[in-house]
Amino acid sequence: MKHDLGITLVLLALFLSAHLVGLLIVRHYLPEEQQLPLNIQKPQLEEQTSYLPIFLAILLASLLALLLIKFQALGLWKLWFFLSVIFTLTIAFASFLPQLLALGFALILAFFKIIKPNLIIHNFTEIFIYGGLAALFVPVLNLFSVILLLALISLYDMIAVWKTKHMISLAKFQSQSKIFAGLYLPYEKKKYITPLKITPTTTYKETRYIEKQAILGGGDIGFPLLFSGVILKYYGLIPAITVSVVTTFSLFVLFTLAEKQKFYPAMPFLTAGCLLGYGITYLLYL
């Protein structure tokens, strides 16, 4: 198992929480007459082909992130992340609160998430962020396009982790900068004391602390939520929740099979979970 059972269960609970909250947010914005807050416009895309511009936008965002890493542009990275968090949290909170109050809460939480990060606020905001994103894109996706999108993302994930490995570099950069898009649980901090020689007759001991981390990238939460959101759009809340629960189980299978200290592309497992969940939903409800 990749992480201790307790940490794995907490990560799974946060993943499922993000999906359940996200589905409530998506359901609020699904009626065509329901507007996004602050006059934010929904994307104008054709449902049948919307997967292509969305996928191309993801590739462009990945390229931009890699350029920021290459030039160590931490300030630009923080600004981009800060604005993205405000944008998505405002959409998410406005499904429960008046829009100006939603914006106020989004600004406060984004400040603490980026400027004064702590574990609770980080993971709390992650539960809402992907619902805000899904509220934008679920209206322009149908079942055909979201399946193709998941297939493309799964292929990209495998290439980015196993072939080019740039997804690993991106994850490490985010973790080191303490600005991570996704769930983040540090645990089991270990102390290492290493003797270092200064001269042939003089040594001193260097103390280092190495902390294990359980992480799950934002895309691994958001893309399956898009699929569940499309199920919600066409078939209702209970089928959508069923898909999210089955997808959570597929994530558990990945964590169970994965080895410690190794990176794995999660999206192929999650895509399989989405499709299996849809199959179960079809048999039970449709």
C-alpha atoms as a PDB file:
ATOM      1  CA  MET A   1       0.000   0.000   0.000  1.00  0.00           C
ATOM      2  CA  LYS A   2       1.339   3.402  -0.958  1.00  0.00           C
ATOM      3  CA  HIS A   3       0.385   5.091   2.347  1.00  0.00           C
ATOM      4  CA  ASP A   4      -0.654   3.952   5.796  1.00  0.00           C
ATOM      5  CA  LEU A   5      -4.282   2.827   5.936  1.00  0.00           C
ATOM      6  CA  GLY A   6      -5.362   5.739   8.142  1.00  0.00           C
ATOM      7  CA  ILE A   7      -3.855   8.342   5.806  1.00  0.00           C
ATOM      8  CA  THR A   8      -5.334   6.553   2.792  1.00  0.00           C
ATOM      9  CA  LEU A   9      -8.823   6.622   4.319  1.00  0.00           C
ATOM     10  CA  VAL A  10      -8.535  10.345   5.113  1.00  0.00           C
ATOM     11  CA  LEU A  11      -7.435  11.047   1.528  1.00  0.00           C
ATOM     12  CA  LEU A  12     -10.351   9.008   0.169  1.00  0.00           C
ATOM     13  CA  ALA A  13     -12.792  10.824   2.482  1.00  0.00           C
ATOM     14  CA  LEU A  14     -11.532  14.201   1.247  1.00  0.00           C
ATOM     15  CA  PHE A  15     -11.776  13.050  -2.378  1.00  0.00           C
ATOM     16  CA  LEU A  16     -15.372  11.899  -1.915  1.00  0.00           C
ATOM     17  CA  SER A  17     -16.231  15.081   0.007  1.00  0.00           C
ATOM     18  CA  ALA A  18     -14.957  17.179  -2.910  1.00  0.00           C
ATOM     19  CA  HIS A  19     -17.213  15.186  -5.222  1.00  0.00           C
ATOM     20  CA  LEU A  20     -20.330  15.431  -3.061  1.00  0.00           C
ATOM     21  CA  VAL A  21     -19.895  19.168  -2.485  1.00  0.00           C
ATOM     22  CA  GLY A  22     -19.012  19.607  -6.156  1.00  0.00           C
ATOM     23  CA  LEU A  23     -22.212  17.887  -7.267  1.00  0.00           C
ATOM     24  CA  LEU A  24     -24.281  20.240  -5.106  1.00  0.00           C
ATOM     25  CA  ILE A  25     -22.500  23.208  -6.681  1.00  0.00           C
ATOM     26  CA  VAL A  26     -22.987  21.863 -10.208  1.00  0.00           C
ATOM     27  CA  ARG A  27     -26.675  21.166  -9.558  1.00  0.00           C
ATOM     28  CA  HIS A  28     -27.157  24.788  -8.468  1.00  0.00           C
ATOM     29  CA  TYR A  29     -25.781  26.123 -11.775  1.00  0.00           C
ATOM     30  CA  LEU A  30     -27.195  23.537 -14.182  1.00  0.00           C
ATOM     31  CA  PRO A  31     -30.424  25.343 -15.127  1.00  0.00           C
ATOM     32  CA  GLU A  32     -29.687  27.410 -18.237  1.00  0.00           C
ATOM     33  CA  GLU A  33     -31.200  30.521 -16.669  1.00  0.00           C
ATOM     34  CA  GLN A  34     -28.953  30.242 -13.587  1.00  0.00           C
ATOM     35  CA  GLN A  35     -26.111  32.748 -13.956  1.00  0.00           C
ATOM     36  CA  LEU A  36     -22.628  32.529 -12.510  1.00  0.00           C
ATOM     37  CA  PRO A  37     -21.724  35.188  -9.907  1.00  0.00           C
ATOM     38  CA  LEU A  38     -20.258  38.589 -10.778  1.00  0.00           C
ATOM     39  CA  ASN A  39     -21.394  38.255 -14.407  1.00  0.00           C
ATOM     40  CA  ILE A  40     -18.889  35.473 -15.101  1.00  0.00           C
ATOM     41  CA  GLN A  41     -19.835  33.952 -18.444  1.00  0.00           C
ATOM     42  CA  LYS A  42     -20.176  30.216 -19.006  1.00  0.00           C
ATOM     43  CA  PRO A  43     -17.999  28.884 -21.885  1.00  0.00           C
ATOM     44  CA  GLN A  44     -19.693  28.899 -25.271  1.00  0.00           C
ATOM     45  CA  LEU A  45     -18.767  25.473 -26.633  1.00  0.00           C
ATOM     46  CA  GLU A  46     -20.575  22.768 -28.551  1.00  0.00           C
ATOM     47  CA  GLU A  47     -21.273  19.779 -26.312  1.00  0.00           C
ATOM     48  CA  GLN A  48     -20.236  17.200 -28.918  1.00  0.00           C
ATOM     49  CA  THR A  49     -16.782  18.712 -29.521  1.00  0.00           C
ATOM     50  CA  SER A  50     -16.114  20.579 -26.260  1.00  0.00           C
ATOM     51  CA  TYR A  51     -13.592  17.946 -25.112  1.00  0.00           C
ATOM     52  CA  LEU A  52     -11.054  19.185 -27.678  1.00  0.00           C
ATOM     53  CA  PRO A  53     -10.712  22.878 -26.642  1.00  0.00           C
ATOM     54  CA  ILE A  54     -10.801  21.831 -22.972  1.00  0.00           C
ATOM     55  CA  PHE A  55      -7.986  19.327 -23.530  1.00  0.00           C
ATOM     56  CA  LEU A  56      -5.941  21.852 -25.521  1.00  0.00           C
ATOM     57  CA  ALA A  57      -6.392  24.400 -22.720  1.00  0.00           C
ATOM     58  CA  ILE A  58      -5.053  21.815 -20.246  1.00  0.00           C
ATOM     59  CA  LEU A  59      -1.979  21.208 -22.416  1.00  0.00           C
ATOM     60  CA  LEU A  60      -1.382  24.965 -22.652  1.00  0.00           C
ATOM     61  CA  ALA A  61      -1.733  25.382 -18.879  1.00  0.00           C
ATOM     62  CA  SER A  62       0.741  22.512 -18.322  1.00  0.00           C
ATOM     63  CA  LEU A  63       3.241  24.139 -20.690  1.00  0.00           C
ATOM     64  CA  LEU A  64       2.904  27.472 -18.900  1.00  0.00           C
ATOM     65  CA  ALA A  65       3.404  25.789 -15.521  1.00  0.00           C
ATOM     66  CA  LEU A  66       6.563  24.050 -16.764  1.00  0.00           C
ATOM     67  CA  LEU A  67       7.943  27.373 -18.034  1.00  0.00           C
ATOM     68  CA  LEU A  68       7.327  28.957 -14.630  1.00  0.00           C
ATOM     69  CA  ILE A  69       9.165  26.043 -13.002  1.00  0.00           C
ATOM     70  CA  LYS A  70      12.066  26.264 -15.454  1.00  0.00           C
ATOM     71  CA  PHE A  71      12.601  29.965 -14.755  1.00  0.00           C
ATOM     72  CA  GLN A  72      11.772  29.609 -11.045  1.00  0.00           C
ATOM     73  CA  ALA A  73       9.098  32.298 -11.416  1.00  0.00           C
ATOM     74  CA  LEU A  74       7.592  31.637  -8.000  1.00  0.00           C
ATOM     75  CA  GLY A  75       5.972  35.075  -7.833  1.00  0.00           C
ATOM     76  CA  LEU A  76       4.056  34.553 -11.079  1.00  0.00           C
ATOM     77  CA  TRP A  77       3.131  31.037  -9.984  1.00  0.00           C
ATOM     78  CA  LYS A  78       1.672  32.389  -6.731  1.00  0.00           C
ATOM     79  CA  LEU A  79      -0.236  35.150  -8.528  1.00  0.00           C
ATOM     80  CA  TRP A  80      -1.714  32.706 -11.065  1.00  0.00           C
ATOM     81  CA  PHE A  81      -2.692  30.322  -8.310  1.00  0.00           C
ATOM     82  CA  PHE A  82      -4.105  33.100  -6.114  1.00  0.00           C
ATOM     83  CA  LEU A  83      -6.375  34.416  -8.878  1.00  0.00           C
ATOM     84  CA  SER A  84      -7.484  30.904  -9.834  1.00  0.00           C
ATOM     85  CA  VAL A  85      -8.426  30.102  -6.240  1.00  0.00           C
ATOM     86  CA  ILE A  86     -10.447  33.324  -5.892  1.00  0.00           C
ATOM     87  CA  PHE A  87     -12.231  32.659  -9.186  1.00  0.00           C
ATOM     88  CA  THR A  88     -13.221  29.063  -8.452  1.00  0.00           C
ATOM     89  CA  LEU A  89     -14.060  29.593  -4.779  1.00  0.00           C
ATOM     90  CA  THR A  90     -16.299  32.560  -5.618  1.00  0.00           C
ATOM     91  CA  ILE A  91     -18.284  30.396  -8.035  1.00  0.00           C
ATOM     92  CA  ALA A  92     -18.452  27.570  -5.488  1.00  0.00           C
ATOM     93  CA  PHE A  93     -19.454  29.697  -2.479  1.00  0.00           C
ATOM     94  CA  ALA A  94     -22.014  31.677  -4.498  1.00  0.00           C
ATOM     95  CA  SER A  95     -24.059  28.495  -4.845  1.00  0.00           C
ATOM     96  CA  PHE A  96     -24.635  28.690  -1.066  1.00  0.00           C
ATOM     97  CA  LEU A  97     -24.169  32.409  -0.247  1.00  0.00           C
ATOM     98  CA  PRO A  98     -24.906  35.874  -1.721  1.00  0.00           C
ATOM     99  CA  GLN A  99     -22.269  36.609  -4.376  1.00  0.00           C
ATOM    100  CA  LEU A 100     -20.492  39.488  -2.575  1.00  0.00           C
ATOM    101  CA  LEU A 101     -20.232  37.444   0.612  1.00  0.00           C
ATOM    102  CA  ALA A 102     -18.944  34.536  -1.482  1.00  0.00           C
ATOM    103  CA  LEU A 103     -16.278  36.803  -2.999  1.00  0.00           C
ATOM    104  CA  GLY A 104     -15.266  38.027   0.461  1.00  0.00           C
ATOM    105  CA  PHE A 105     -14.826  34.506   1.804  1.00  0.00           C
ATOM    106  CA  ALA A 106     -12.937  33.525  -1.361  1.00  0.00           C
ATOM    107  CA  LEU A 107     -10.487  36.441  -0.937  1.00  0.00           C
ATOM    108  CA  ILE A 108      -9.843  35.634   2.738  1.00  0.00           C
ATOM    109  CA  LEU A 109      -9.317  31.913   2.162  1.00  0.00           C
ATOM    110  CA  ALA A 110      -7.162  32.496  -0.935  1.00  0.00           C
ATOM    111  CA  PHE A 111      -4.949  34.842   1.099  1.00  0.00           C
ATOM    112  CA  PHE A 112      -4.382  32.248   3.821  1.00  0.00           C
ATOM    113  CA  LYS A 113      -4.021  29.433   1.282  1.00  0.00           C
ATOM    114  CA  ILE A 114      -1.275  31.215  -0.674  1.00  0.00           C
ATOM    115  CA  ILE A 115       0.340  33.724   1.711  1.00  0.00           C
ATOM    116  CA  LYS A 116      -0.020  31.968   5.057  1.00  0.00           C
ATOM    117  CA  PRO A 117      -0.664  28.329   4.158  1.00  0.00           C
ATOM    118  CA  ASN A 118      -1.813  25.753   6.655  1.00  0.00           C
ATOM    119  CA  LEU A 119      -3.054  22.205   6.264  1.00  0.00           C
ATOM    120  CA  ILE A 120      -6.688  22.741   7.287  1.00  0.00           C
ATOM    121  CA  ILE A 121      -7.381  25.731   5.038  1.00  0.00           C
ATOM    122  CA  HIS A 122      -5.546  24.122   2.132  1.00  0.00           C
ATOM    123  CA  ASN A 123      -7.642  20.951   2.129  1.00  0.00           C
ATOM    124  CA  PHE A 124     -10.869  22.770   3.051  1.00  0.00           C
ATOM    125  CA  THR A 125     -10.589  24.991  -0.017  1.00  0.00           C
ATOM    126  CA  GLU A 126      -9.717  22.010  -2.218  1.00  0.00           C
ATOM    127  CA  ILE A 127     -13.108  20.498  -1.367  1.00  0.00           C
ATOM    128  CA  PHE A 128     -14.827  23.511  -3.004  1.00  0.00           C
ATOM    129  CA  ILE A 129     -12.454  24.516  -5.810  1.00  0.00           C
ATOM    130  CA  TYR A 130     -13.276  21.661  -8.193  1.00  0.00           C
ATOM    131  CA  GLY A 131     -17.008  22.209  -7.823  1.00  0.00           C
ATOM    132  CA  GLY A 132     -16.430  25.758  -9.035  1.00  0.00           C
ATOM    133  CA  LEU A 133     -14.531  24.466 -12.059  1.00  0.00           C
ATOM    134  CA  ALA A 134     -17.111  21.782 -12.784  1.00  0.00           C
ATOM    135  CA  ALA A 135     -19.888  24.401 -12.700  1.00  0.00           C
ATOM    136  CA  LEU A 136     -18.143  26.061 -15.656  1.00  0.00           C
ATOM    137  CA  PHE A 137     -17.608  23.020 -17.853  1.00  0.00           C
ATOM    138  CA  VAL A 138     -20.354  20.480 -17.101  1.00  0.00           C
ATOM    139  CA  PRO A 139     -22.959  22.583 -19.010  1.00  0.00           C
ATOM    140  CA  VAL A 140     -20.899  22.287 -22.222  1.00  0.00           C
ATOM    141  CA  LEU A 141     -20.159  18.552 -21.956  1.00  0.00           C
ATOM    142  CA  ASN A 142     -22.260  15.532 -22.854  1.00  0.00           C
ATOM    143  CA  LEU A 143     -21.562  11.872 -22.109  1.00  0.00           C
ATOM    144  CA  PHE A 144     -19.695  11.311 -25.390  1.00  0.00           C
ATOM    145  CA  SER A 145     -17.416  14.329 -24.976  1.00  0.00           C
ATOM    146  CA  VAL A 146     -16.641  13.747 -21.301  1.00  0.00           C
ATOM    147  CA  ILE A 147     -15.654  10.113 -21.980  1.00  0.00           C
ATOM    148  CA  LEU A 148     -13.322  11.251 -24.767  1.00  0.00           C
ATOM    149  CA  LEU A 149     -11.905  13.926 -22.462  1.00  0.00           C
ATOM    150  CA  LEU A 150     -11.187  11.345 -19.744  1.00  0.00           C
ATOM    151  CA  ALA A 151      -9.548   9.057 -22.306  1.00  0.00           C
ATOM    152  CA  LEU A 152      -7.277  11.863 -23.562  1.00  0.00           C
ATOM    153  CA  ILE A 153      -6.406  12.959 -20.030  1.00  0.00           C
ATOM    154  CA  SER A 154      -5.604   9.371 -19.024  1.00  0.00           C
ATOM    155  CA  LEU A 155      -3.261   8.969 -21.987  1.00  0.00           C
ATOM    156  CA  TYR A 156      -1.623  12.312 -21.224  1.00  0.00           C
ATOM    157  CA  ASP A 157      -1.258  11.363 -17.551  1.00  0.00           C
ATOM    158  CA  MET A 158       0.535   8.121 -18.433  1.00  0.00           C
ATOM    159  CA  ILE A 159       2.913   9.909 -20.799  1.00  0.00           C
ATOM    160  CA  ALA A 160       3.554  12.741 -18.326  1.00  0.00           C
ATOM    161  CA  VAL A 161       4.328  10.371 -15.425  1.00  0.00           C
ATOM    162  CA  TRP A 162       6.013   7.398 -17.103  1.00  0.00           C
ATOM    163  CA  LYS A 163       7.591   8.887 -20.221  1.00  0.00           C
ATOM    164  CA  THR A 164       8.442  12.594 -19.982  1.00  0.00           C
ATOM    165  CA  LYS A 165       8.077  12.614 -16.149  1.00  0.00           C
ATOM    166  CA  HIS A 166       7.233  16.331 -16.222  1.00  0.00           C
ATOM    167  CA  MET A 167       4.158  15.694 -14.078  1.00  0.00           C
ATOM    168  CA  ILE A 168       6.472  14.419 -11.338  1.00  0.00           C
ATOM    169  CA  SER A 169       8.590  17.586 -11.617  1.00  0.00           C
ATOM    170  CA  LEU A 170       5.456  19.700 -11.395  1.00  0.00           C
ATOM    171  CA  ALA A 171       4.208  17.827  -8.314  1.00  0.00           C
ATOM    172  CA  LYS A 172       7.579  18.173  -6.564  1.00  0.00           C
ATOM    173  CA  PHE A 173       7.778  21.893  -7.372  1.00  0.00           C
ATOM    174  CA  GLN A 174       4.301  22.485  -5.993  1.00  0.00           C
ATOM    175  CA  SER A 175       5.065  20.490  -2.860  1.00  0.00           C
ATOM    176  CA  GLN A 176       8.338  22.340  -2.216  1.00  0.00           C
ATOM    177  CA  SER A 177       6.736  25.746  -2.807  1.00  0.00           C
ATOM    178  CA  LYS A 178       3.865  24.761  -0.461  1.00  0.00           C
ATOM    179  CA  ILE A 179       1.398  25.835  -3.164  1.00  0.00           C
ATOM    180  CA  PHE A 180      -0.154  22.612  -4.318  1.00  0.00           C
ATOM    181  CA  ALA A 181      -3.211  22.071  -6.523  1.00  0.00           C
ATOM    182  CA  GLY A 182      -4.746  19.028  -4.929  1.00  0.00           C
ATOM    183  CA  LEU A 183      -5.103  17.245  -1.600  1.00  0.00           C
ATOM    184  CA  TYR A 184      -2.042  17.302   0.615  1.00  0.00           C
ATOM    185  CA  LEU A 185      -1.429  15.346   3.832  1.00  0.00           C
ATOM    186  CA  PRO A 186       2.058  15.387   5.392  1.00  0.00           C
ATOM    187  CA  TYR A 187       2.768  12.656   7.944  1.00  0.00           C
ATOM    188  CA  GLU A 188       5.489  10.688   9.742  1.00  0.00           C
ATOM    189  CA  LYS A 189       8.301  13.198  10.042  1.00  0.00           C
ATOM    190  CA  LYS A 190      11.614  11.344  10.498  1.00  0.00           C
ATOM    191  CA  LYS A 191      14.874  12.678  11.926  1.00  0.00           C
ATOM    192  CA  TYR A 192      18.188  11.815  10.242  1.00  0.00           C
ATOM    193  CA  ILE A 193      21.611  12.639  11.691  1.00  0.00           C
ATOM    194  CA  THR A 194      24.474  12.496   9.207  1.00  0.00           C
ATOM    195  CA  PRO A 195      28.178  12.919  10.195  1.00  0.00           C
ATOM    196  CA  LEU A 196      29.994  15.264   7.801  1.00  0.00           C
ATOM    197  CA  LYS A 197      33.770  15.742   7.622  1.00  0.00           C
ATOM    198  CA  ILE A 198      35.131  19.292   7.467  1.00  0.00           C
ATOM    199  CA  THR A 199      38.800  18.364   7.673  1.00  0.00           C
ATOM    200  CA  PRO A 200      40.435  14.947   7.998  1.00  0.00           C
ATOM    201  CA  THR A 201      40.334  15.386  11.794  1.00  0.00           C
ATOM    202  CA  THR A 202      37.128  17.410  12.258  1.00  0.00           C
ATOM    203  CA  THR A 203      33.545  16.286  11.824  1.00  0.00           C
ATOM    204  CA  TYR A 204      30.141  17.598  12.747  1.00  0.00           C
ATOM    205  CA  LYS A 205      26.684  16.145  12.625  1.00  0.00           C
ATOM    206  CA  GLU A 206      24.007  17.460  10.267  1.00  0.00           C
ATOM    207  CA  THR A 207      20.387  16.953  11.345  1.00  0.00           C
ATOM    208  CA  ARG A 208      17.747  16.641   8.638  1.00  0.00           C
ATOM    209  CA  TYR A 209      14.042  16.000   8.795  1.00  0.00           C
ATOM    210  CA  ILE A 210      12.313  14.076   6.015  1.00  0.00           C
ATOM    211  CA  GLU A 211       8.521  14.178   5.937  1.00  0.00           C
ATOM    212  CA  LYS A 212       6.327  11.698   4.101  1.00  0.00           C
ATOM    213  CA  GLN A 213       3.508  13.192   2.077  1.00  0.00           C
ATOM    214  CA  ALA A 214       0.238  11.819   0.752  1.00  0.00           C
ATOM    215  CA  ILE A 215      -0.855  13.895  -2.230  1.00  0.00           C
ATOM    216  CA  LEU A 216      -3.520  13.691  -4.895  1.00  0.00           C
ATOM    217  CA  GLY A 217      -3.365  16.112  -7.817  1.00  0.00           C
ATOM    218  CA  GLY A 218      -6.197  18.503  -8.527  1.00  0.00           C
ATOM    219  CA  GLY A 219      -6.833  16.999 -11.953  1.00  0.00           C
ATOM    220  CA  ASP A 220      -7.376  13.607 -10.333  1.00  0.00           C
ATOM    221  CA  ILE A 221     -10.241  15.168  -8.382  1.00  0.00           C
ATOM    222  CA  GLY A 222     -11.603  17.530 -11.009  1.00  0.00           C
ATOM    223  CA  PHE A 223     -11.841  15.345 -14.129  1.00  0.00           C
ATOM    224  CA  PRO A 224     -13.803  12.506 -12.499  1.00  0.00           C
ATOM    225  CA  LEU A 225     -16.049  15.206 -10.990  1.00  0.00           C
ATOM    226  CA  LEU A 226     -16.763  16.454 -14.517  1.00  0.00           C
ATOM    227  CA  PHE A 227     -17.936  12.943 -15.394  1.00  0.00           C
ATOM    228  CA  SER A 228     -20.140  12.702 -12.290  1.00  0.00           C
ATOM    229  CA  GLY A 229     -21.456  16.180 -13.091  1.00  0.00           C
ATOM    230  CA  VAL A 230     -22.490  15.073 -16.576  1.00  0.00           C
ATOM    231  CA  ILE A 231     -24.255  12.050 -15.047  1.00  0.00           C
ATOM    232  CA  LEU A 232     -26.030  14.494 -12.712  1.00  0.00           C
ATOM    233  CA  LYS A 233     -26.995  16.635 -15.680  1.00  0.00           C
ATOM    234  CA  TYR A 234     -28.677  13.804 -17.596  1.00  0.00           C
ATOM    235  CA  TYR A 235     -29.721  11.276 -14.954  1.00  0.00           C
ATOM    236  CA  GLY A 236     -29.972  12.978 -11.560  1.00  0.00           C
ATOM    237  CA  LEU A 237     -28.222  13.224  -8.196  1.00  0.00           C
ATOM    238  CA  ILE A 238     -28.369   9.595  -6.979  1.00  0.00           C
ATOM    239  CA  PRO A 239     -26.766   8.134 -10.147  1.00  0.00           C
ATOM    240  CA  ALA A 240     -24.094  10.864  -9.985  1.00  0.00           C
ATOM    241  CA  ILE A 241     -23.302  10.061  -6.339  1.00  0.00           C
ATOM    242  CA  THR A 242     -23.134   6.355  -7.224  1.00  0.00           C
ATOM    243  CA  VAL A 243     -20.540   7.104  -9.910  1.00  0.00           C
ATOM    244  CA  SER A 244     -18.469   9.189  -7.464  1.00  0.00           C
ATOM    245  CA  VAL A 245     -18.577   6.435  -4.814  1.00  0.00           C
ATOM    246  CA  VAL A 246     -17.422   3.793  -7.319  1.00  0.00           C
ATOM    247  CA  THR A 247     -14.682   6.148  -8.530  1.00  0.00           C
ATOM    248  CA  THR A 248     -13.538   6.611  -4.928  1.00  0.00           C
ATOM    249  CA  PHE A 249     -13.265   2.820  -4.664  1.00  0.00           C
ATOM    250  CA  SER A 250     -11.109   2.745  -7.812  1.00  0.00           C
ATOM    251  CA  LEU A 251      -8.783   5.256  -6.129  1.00  0.00           C
ATOM    252  CA  PHE A 252      -8.586   2.952  -3.112  1.00  0.00           C
ATOM    253  CA  VAL A 253      -7.568   0.108  -5.441  1.00  0.00           C
ATOM    254  CA  LEU A 254      -4.773   2.278  -6.856  1.00  0.00           C
ATOM    255  CA  PHE A 255      -3.489   3.170  -3.377  1.00  0.00           C
ATOM    256  CA  THR A 256      -3.620  -0.508  -2.390  1.00  0.00           C
ATOM    257  CA  LEU A 257      -1.661  -1.723  -5.414  1.00  0.00           C
ATOM    258  CA  ALA A 258       0.834   1.173  -5.511  1.00  0.00           C
ATOM    259  CA  GLU A 259       4.272   0.917  -3.929  1.00  0.00           C
ATOM    260  CA  LYS A 260       5.773   3.474  -1.578  1.00  0.00           C
ATOM    261  CA  GLN A 261       8.064   6.179  -3.021  1.00  0.00           C
ATOM    262  CA  LYS A 262       6.791   5.608  -6.565  1.00  0.00           C
ATOM    263  CA  PHE A 263       4.667   7.865  -8.759  1.00  0.00           C
ATOM    264  CA  TYR A 264       1.666   6.538 -10.638  1.00  0.00           C
ATOM    265  CA  PRO A 265      -0.755   8.118 -13.134  1.00  0.00           C
ATOM    266  CA  ALA A 266      -4.073   8.088 -11.277  1.00  0.00           C
ATOM    267  CA  MET A 267      -6.330   9.048 -14.175  1.00  0.00           C
ATOM    268  CA  PRO A 268      -6.435   5.623 -15.909  1.00  0.00           C
ATOM    269  CA  PHE A 269      -7.702   4.065 -12.662  1.00  0.00           C
ATOM    270  CA  LEU A 270     -10.146   6.908 -12.049  1.00  0.00           C
ATOM    271  CA  THR A 271     -11.434   6.780 -15.629  1.00  0.00           C
ATOM    272  CA  ALA A 272     -12.031   3.049 -15.236  1.00  0.00           C
ATOM    273  CA  GLY A 273     -13.873   3.815 -11.997  1.00  0.00           C
ATOM    274  CA  CYS A 274     -16.036   6.416 -13.733  1.00  0.00           C
ATOM    275  CA  LEU A 275     -16.994   4.003 -16.504  1.00  0.00           C
ATOM    276  CA  LEU A 276     -17.636   1.167 -14.059  1.00  0.00           C
ATOM    277  CA  GLY A 277     -19.777   3.522 -11.980  1.00  0.00           C
ATOM    278  CA  TYR A 278     -21.734   4.495 -15.077  1.00  0.00           C
ATOM    279  CA  GLY A 279     -22.284   0.820 -15.891  1.00  0.00           C
ATOM    280  CA  ILE A 280     -23.567   0.116 -12.382  1.00  0.00           C
ATOM    281  CA  THR A 281     -25.752   3.224 -12.545  1.00  0.00           C
ATOM    282  CA  TYR A 282     -27.167   2.118 -15.881  1.00  0.00           C
ATOM    283  CA  LEU A 283     -28.125  -1.289 -14.460  1.00  0.00           C
ATOM    284  CA  LEU A 284     -29.595   0.091 -11.236  1.00  0.00           C
ATOM    285  CA  TYR A 285     -31.376   3.282 -12.247  1.00  0.00           C
ATOM    286  CA  LEU A 286     -31.659   3.661 -16.019  1.00  0.00           C
END
